[in-house]
Amino acid sequence: MDDAHPTPQPTAALSGQVAEMDRLDGQLIERMRHEALTAPAPWKAEYGEFQSGGWWTTSLMNTSGQAEDVRITDGTARPTAVLEHMPATASLLAGLGLSYMWVRLARLEANAFLWEHRDYDELDQVERHRLHIPLHTNSSAFLVTGGCKVHMSGGRIWRLTPTFAHGVCNLLGPDRIHLIADVYADDAYRHLAGRADAPAGAEVLPRAREADLAGRLEAARRLADLGYIDAAEALLLRLFYSFALPEGTTYDLIAQLHAARGDQEASDHWSAAKSTLLALAS
């Protein structure tokens, strides 16, 4: 390694976006993993505009009590029928003593992506937090937030602040399954959050040079000219997982691609998608 150019380290600000919290018993995690893999869960595809495909969820606790209801809303959560088949998971959730807004299982297949986005913008403006418990994962599944790549490893509760722009991918598989709990701030949450640590092993993504972006844009243009529009867009969207980019860059590049090809309708669509996914004021 060139000592004059050391590898950049994650900034302290990263811990405000993602953090490791309590460590959990390994046998408990294994029981929960088994439950997640075997419970009769009605997996649903939702939020299609946020993903490449391959992201599925099922609700364990929500306001309606229906596992098939997976679009997040505010309210007091109650158990769904799926949680009845998951006693170890139900016991952990009860033991944490948190005020749950929504609890779900989220499954991300191999070669699947959640594109850069923010969450919670459409909900009531009250303090809430998102907790992740990885149940089934692999080293090629990682979160990108704040220009850093973080593998949310098993054995701990993680906190994600989803009001920061972020995305998730699973490059190689097997499926990544997390228990995700959206909770309201209260004394129980603050007690848990008091034991948060900065994420170990976070990796700063390299900054993209103009030549990098120009080369990818040209490659996308060649794909689009051959008729592979979806592949061209995906090539640009995936830049978020390889480089630390200014917010919304991938959406700007896709809009630029379509404008250069004379498709103003598609260009406007992606400019609007940027505002929607990143919760930008119109």
Protein backbone atom coordinates (compact mmCIF):
# COMPACT_ATOMS: atom_id res chain seq x y z
CA MET A 1 0.00 0.00 0.00
CA ASP A 2 1.20 3.54 -0.80
CA ASP A 3 1.77 5.17 2.61
CA ALA A 4 1.22 8.58 1.02
CA HIS A 5 -2.36 7.61 0.21
CA PRO A 6 -3.73 5.66 3.21
CA THR A 7 -7.15 4.08 3.04
CA PRO A 8 -9.70 6.65 4.28
CA GLN A 9 -11.50 5.74 7.48
CA PRO A 10 -15.22 6.12 8.25
CA THR A 11 -16.06 9.39 9.95
CA ALA A 12 -17.57 9.63 13.42
CA ALA A 13 -20.77 10.88 11.76
CA LEU A 14 -21.38 7.38 10.39
CA SER A 15 -22.44 6.15 13.85
CA GLY A 16 -25.38 8.54 13.64
CA GLN A 17 -26.55 6.69 10.53
CA VAL A 18 -25.85 3.08 11.49
CA ALA A 19 -24.65 1.57 14.77
CA GLU A 20 -24.19 -1.77 16.52
CA MET A 21 -26.20 -2.20 19.70
CA ASP A 22 -26.81 -5.11 22.09
CA ARG A 23 -25.22 -8.47 21.42
CA LEU A 24 -27.71 -11.37 21.37
CA ASP A 25 -27.34 -14.97 22.49
CA GLY A 26 -26.15 -17.17 19.61
CA GLN A 27 -28.59 -19.98 20.36
CA LEU A 28 -31.48 -17.49 20.40
CA ILE A 29 -30.42 -16.13 17.02
CA GLU A 30 -30.26 -19.66 15.64
CA ARG A 31 -33.81 -20.39 16.87
CA MET A 32 -35.03 -17.14 15.35
CA ARG A 33 -33.27 -17.93 12.08
CA HIS A 34 -34.97 -21.34 11.95
CA GLU A 35 -38.33 -19.71 12.63
CA ALA A 36 -37.78 -17.14 9.86
CA LEU A 37 -36.88 -19.87 7.37
CA THR A 38 -39.76 -22.20 8.24
CA ALA A 39 -42.71 -20.03 9.35
CA PRO A 40 -45.69 -20.01 6.91
CA ALA A 41 -45.02 -16.43 5.86
CA PRO A 42 -46.92 -14.76 2.98
CA TRP A 43 -43.93 -12.97 1.44
CA LYS A 44 -45.00 -9.86 -0.47
CA ALA A 45 -43.24 -7.66 -3.02
CA GLU A 46 -43.91 -4.01 -2.20
CA TYR A 47 -42.26 -0.66 -2.86
CA GLY A 48 -41.35 -1.74 -6.38
CA GLU A 49 -40.07 1.72 -7.24
CA PHE A 50 -37.40 1.34 -4.55
CA GLN A 51 -35.88 -1.95 -5.72
CA SER A 52 -34.49 -4.07 -8.54
CA GLY A 53 -36.77 -6.99 -7.63
CA GLY A 54 -35.87 -9.75 -5.21
CA TRP A 55 -36.88 -7.87 -2.03
CA TRP A 56 -39.74 -9.46 -0.09
CA THR A 57 -41.35 -8.71 3.26
CA THR A 58 -43.92 -10.18 5.62
CA SER A 59 -45.30 -8.51 8.74
CA LEU A 60 -44.98 -9.93 12.25
CA MET A 61 -46.57 -6.93 14.00
CA ASN A 62 -48.52 -4.07 12.46
CA THR A 63 -51.59 -1.91 12.92
CA SER A 64 -53.93 -4.20 10.95
CA GLY A 65 -52.76 -7.54 12.37
CA GLN A 66 -52.51 -8.90 8.80
CA ALA A 67 -49.19 -10.40 7.72
CA GLU A 68 -49.89 -9.53 4.07
CA ASP A 69 -50.09 -5.83 4.98
CA VAL A 70 -46.51 -4.66 4.44
CA ARG A 71 -46.79 -0.95 3.55
CA ILE A 72 -45.55 0.97 6.58
CA THR A 73 -47.89 3.28 8.49
CA ASP A 74 -47.99 4.85 11.94
CA GLY A 75 -49.92 3.25 14.77
CA THR A 76 -49.80 0.75 17.60
CA ALA A 77 -48.65 -2.63 16.31
CA ARG A 78 -50.33 -5.92 17.18
CA PRO A 79 -49.15 -9.46 16.33
CA THR A 80 -50.00 -11.15 13.05
CA ALA A 81 -50.65 -14.87 12.63
CA VAL A 82 -47.08 -15.43 11.42
CA LEU A 83 -45.67 -14.42 14.81
CA GLU A 84 -47.71 -17.21 16.43
CA HIS A 85 -45.38 -19.66 14.66
CA MET A 86 -42.26 -17.85 15.95
CA PRO A 87 -42.15 -18.21 19.76
CA ALA A 88 -38.46 -17.37 20.17
CA THR A 89 -38.88 -14.23 18.09
CA ALA A 90 -42.03 -13.22 19.97
CA SER A 91 -40.23 -13.73 23.29
CA LEU A 92 -37.33 -11.49 22.25
CA LEU A 93 -39.67 -8.75 21.02
CA ALA A 94 -41.63 -8.84 24.28
CA GLY A 95 -38.46 -8.89 26.35
CA LEU A 96 -37.07 -5.74 24.72
CA GLY A 97 -40.10 -3.86 26.01
CA LEU A 98 -40.14 -1.43 23.08
CA SER A 99 -43.06 0.52 21.63
CA TYR A 100 -43.46 -1.10 18.20
CA MET A 101 -44.83 0.69 15.16
CA TRP A 102 -44.13 -2.20 12.77
CA VAL A 103 -42.13 -5.44 12.84
CA ARG A 104 -41.40 -7.47 9.71
CA LEU A 105 -39.13 -10.00 8.13
CA ALA A 106 -37.30 -8.71 5.05
CA ARG A 107 -35.72 -11.09 2.55
CA LEU A 108 -33.26 -9.89 -0.08
CA GLU A 109 -32.36 -12.42 -2.76
CA ALA A 110 -29.00 -12.78 -4.52
CA ASN A 111 -28.26 -10.06 -7.10
CA ALA A 112 -30.97 -7.83 -5.62
CA PHE A 113 -30.79 -4.15 -4.72
CA LEU A 114 -32.76 -1.58 -2.79
CA TRP A 115 -31.94 1.64 -4.62
CA GLU A 116 -30.77 4.81 -2.88
CA HIS A 117 -33.68 6.23 -0.89
CA ARG A 118 -34.91 7.73 2.36
CA ASP A 119 -37.69 6.43 4.61
CA TYR A 120 -40.26 7.87 7.02
CA ASP A 121 -40.97 11.07 5.06
CA GLU A 122 -44.64 10.14 4.56
CA LEU A 123 -45.19 9.32 8.26
CA ASP A 124 -46.12 11.52 11.21
CA GLN A 125 -43.27 13.71 12.39
CA VAL A 126 -42.58 11.91 15.65
CA GLU A 127 -39.33 10.38 16.83
CA ARG A 128 -38.95 6.78 15.71
CA HIS A 129 -36.03 4.46 15.01
CA ARG A 130 -35.36 1.37 12.94
CA LEU A 131 -33.71 -1.73 14.38
CA HIS A 132 -32.27 -4.61 12.36
CA ILE A 133 -31.52 -8.10 13.63
CA PRO A 134 -29.69 -10.10 10.93
CA LEU A 135 -30.90 -13.70 10.98
CA HIS A 136 -29.51 -15.13 7.74
CA THR A 137 -26.83 -13.23 5.87
CA ASN A 138 -23.56 -13.35 3.94
CA SER A 139 -20.56 -11.08 3.45
CA SER A 140 -21.70 -9.90 0.00
CA ALA A 141 -24.85 -8.37 1.51
CA PHE A 142 -24.21 -4.83 2.66
CA LEU A 143 -25.70 -1.44 3.43
CA VAL A 144 -24.42 1.80 1.87
CA THR A 145 -24.97 5.01 3.82
CA GLY A 146 -22.89 8.16 4.17
CA GLY A 147 -20.53 7.00 1.42
CA CYS A 148 -19.62 3.89 3.43
CA LYS A 149 -20.22 0.19 2.95
CA VAL A 150 -21.36 -1.70 6.08
CA HIS A 151 -22.02 -5.43 6.38
CA MET A 152 -24.60 -5.84 9.14
CA SER A 153 -23.25 -9.02 10.67
CA GLY A 154 -25.23 -11.44 12.78
CA GLY A 155 -25.34 -11.70 16.56
CA ARG A 156 -26.30 -8.11 17.38
CA ILE A 157 -29.10 -5.61 17.15
CA TRP A 158 -28.29 -2.83 14.70
CA ARG A 159 -29.78 0.65 14.50
CA LEU A 160 -30.30 2.27 11.11
CA THR A 161 -31.35 5.90 10.73
CA PRO A 162 -33.31 5.67 7.46
CA THR A 163 -33.88 9.41 7.11
CA PHE A 164 -30.34 9.46 5.67
CA ALA A 165 -30.07 8.38 2.04
CA HIS A 166 -29.14 4.70 1.97
CA GLY A 167 -29.41 1.50 -0.05
CA VAL A 168 -28.89 -2.23 0.43
CA CYS A 169 -27.66 -4.99 -1.86
CA ASN A 170 -27.03 -8.74 -1.81
CA LEU A 171 -24.53 -9.46 -4.55
CA LEU A 172 -23.95 -13.21 -4.39
CA GLY A 173 -26.37 -14.79 -1.92
CA PRO A 174 -27.67 -16.77 -0.18
CA ASP A 175 -30.76 -14.80 0.77
CA ARG A 176 -30.30 -12.09 3.39
CA ILE A 177 -33.10 -12.20 5.99
CA HIS A 178 -33.39 -9.51 8.65
CA LEU A 179 -35.96 -8.89 11.34
CA ILE A 180 -36.72 -5.16 11.07
CA ALA A 181 -38.51 -3.32 13.87
CA ASP A 182 -39.65 0.29 13.60
CA VAL A 183 -40.06 1.60 17.13
CA TYR A 184 -41.11 4.82 18.82
CA ALA A 185 -38.68 6.64 21.08
CA ASP A 186 -39.30 5.95 24.76
CA ASP A 187 -37.30 5.08 27.86
CA ALA A 188 -36.84 1.45 26.78
CA TYR A 189 -35.47 2.54 23.41
CA ARG A 190 -33.17 5.15 24.98
CA HIS A 191 -31.81 2.51 27.37
CA LEU A 192 -31.03 0.24 24.41
CA ALA A 193 -29.56 3.09 22.34
CA GLY A 194 -27.26 4.05 25.18
CA ARG A 195 -25.17 0.96 24.41
CA ALA A 196 -24.60 1.75 20.71
CA ASP A 197 -21.16 1.43 19.10
CA ALA A 198 -19.81 2.65 15.78
CA PRO A 199 -20.06 -0.10 13.13
CA ALA A 200 -16.98 -2.31 13.06
CA GLY A 201 -15.49 -3.02 9.65
CA ALA A 202 -17.16 -0.12 7.83
CA GLU A 203 -15.43 0.63 4.54
CA VAL A 204 -15.29 4.04 2.90
CA LEU A 205 -16.21 3.79 -0.78
CA PRO A 206 -13.87 5.50 -3.26
CA ARG A 207 -14.94 8.79 -4.78
CA ALA A 208 -15.87 8.54 -8.44
CA ARG A 209 -13.76 10.48 -10.93
CA GLU A 210 -15.44 12.26 -13.81
CA ALA A 211 -13.83 9.68 -16.11
CA ASP A 212 -15.44 6.84 -14.11
CA LEU A 213 -18.90 8.33 -14.48
CA ALA A 214 -18.41 9.24 -18.12
CA GLY A 215 -17.29 5.69 -18.88
CA ARG A 216 -20.30 4.13 -17.14
CA LEU A 217 -22.65 6.59 -18.84
CA GLU A 218 -21.23 5.68 -22.23
CA ALA A 219 -21.59 1.95 -21.44
CA ALA A 220 -25.21 2.57 -20.44
CA ARG A 221 -25.79 4.49 -23.67
CA ARG A 222 -24.54 1.53 -25.70
CA LEU A 223 -26.90 -0.83 -23.85
CA ALA A 224 -29.83 1.52 -24.33
CA ASP A 225 -29.11 1.93 -28.04
CA LEU A 226 -29.28 -1.86 -28.36
CA GLY A 227 -32.70 -1.82 -26.71
CA TYR A 228 -31.61 -2.93 -23.22
CA ILE A 229 -33.12 0.04 -21.39
CA ASP A 230 -33.62 -1.70 -18.04
CA ALA A 231 -30.04 -3.00 -18.06
CA ALA A 232 -28.72 0.46 -18.88
CA GLU A 233 -30.63 2.00 -15.97
CA ALA A 234 -29.53 -0.76 -13.57
CA LEU A 235 -25.88 -0.28 -14.56
CA LEU A 236 -26.10 3.36 -13.47
CA LEU A 237 -28.18 2.69 -10.34
CA ARG A 238 -25.56 0.21 -9.13
CA LEU A 239 -22.89 2.91 -9.08
CA PHE A 240 -24.24 3.84 -5.63
CA TYR A 241 -22.76 0.57 -4.30
CA SER A 242 -19.30 1.10 -5.82
CA PHE A 243 -18.57 4.79 -5.29
CA ALA A 244 -19.20 7.54 -2.75
CA LEU A 245 -21.39 9.86 -4.81
CA PRO A 246 -23.20 13.14 -4.20
CA GLU A 247 -26.78 12.38 -3.25
CA GLY A 248 -29.01 11.44 -6.17
CA THR A 249 -26.18 11.18 -8.71
CA THR A 250 -27.37 7.88 -10.15
CA TYR A 251 -30.84 9.31 -10.82
CA ASP A 252 -29.30 12.38 -12.47
CA LEU A 253 -27.19 10.15 -14.72
CA ILE A 254 -30.21 8.13 -15.84
CA ALA A 255 -32.13 11.33 -16.58
CA GLN A 256 -29.11 12.56 -18.54
CA LEU A 257 -28.95 9.27 -20.46
CA HIS A 258 -32.57 9.51 -21.58
CA ALA A 259 -32.33 13.22 -22.41
CA ALA A 260 -29.30 12.55 -24.63
CA ARG A 261 -31.31 9.88 -26.46
CA GLY A 262 -34.18 12.30 -27.01
CA ASP A 263 -36.59 10.62 -24.58
CA GLN A 264 -37.64 13.59 -22.46
CA GLU A 265 -40.55 11.70 -20.90
CA ALA A 266 -38.19 9.06 -19.47
CA SER A 267 -35.76 11.77 -18.37
CA ASP A 268 -38.52 13.60 -16.50
CA HIS A 269 -39.66 10.31 -14.95
CA TRP A 270 -36.25 9.71 -13.38
CA SER A 271 -35.94 13.30 -12.20
CA ALA A 272 -39.30 12.84 -10.46
CA ALA A 273 -38.16 9.46 -9.07
CA LYS A 274 -35.14 11.16 -7.51
CA SER A 275 -37.43 13.60 -5.68
CA THR A 276 -39.75 10.79 -4.55
CA LEU A 277 -37.13 8.28 -3.42
CA LEU A 278 -34.98 10.84 -1.67
CA ALA A 279 -37.97 12.72 -0.21
CA LEU A 280 -36.93 16.02 -1.78
CA ALA A 281 -39.24 19.02 -1.75
CA SER A 282 -40.81 19.57 -5.16
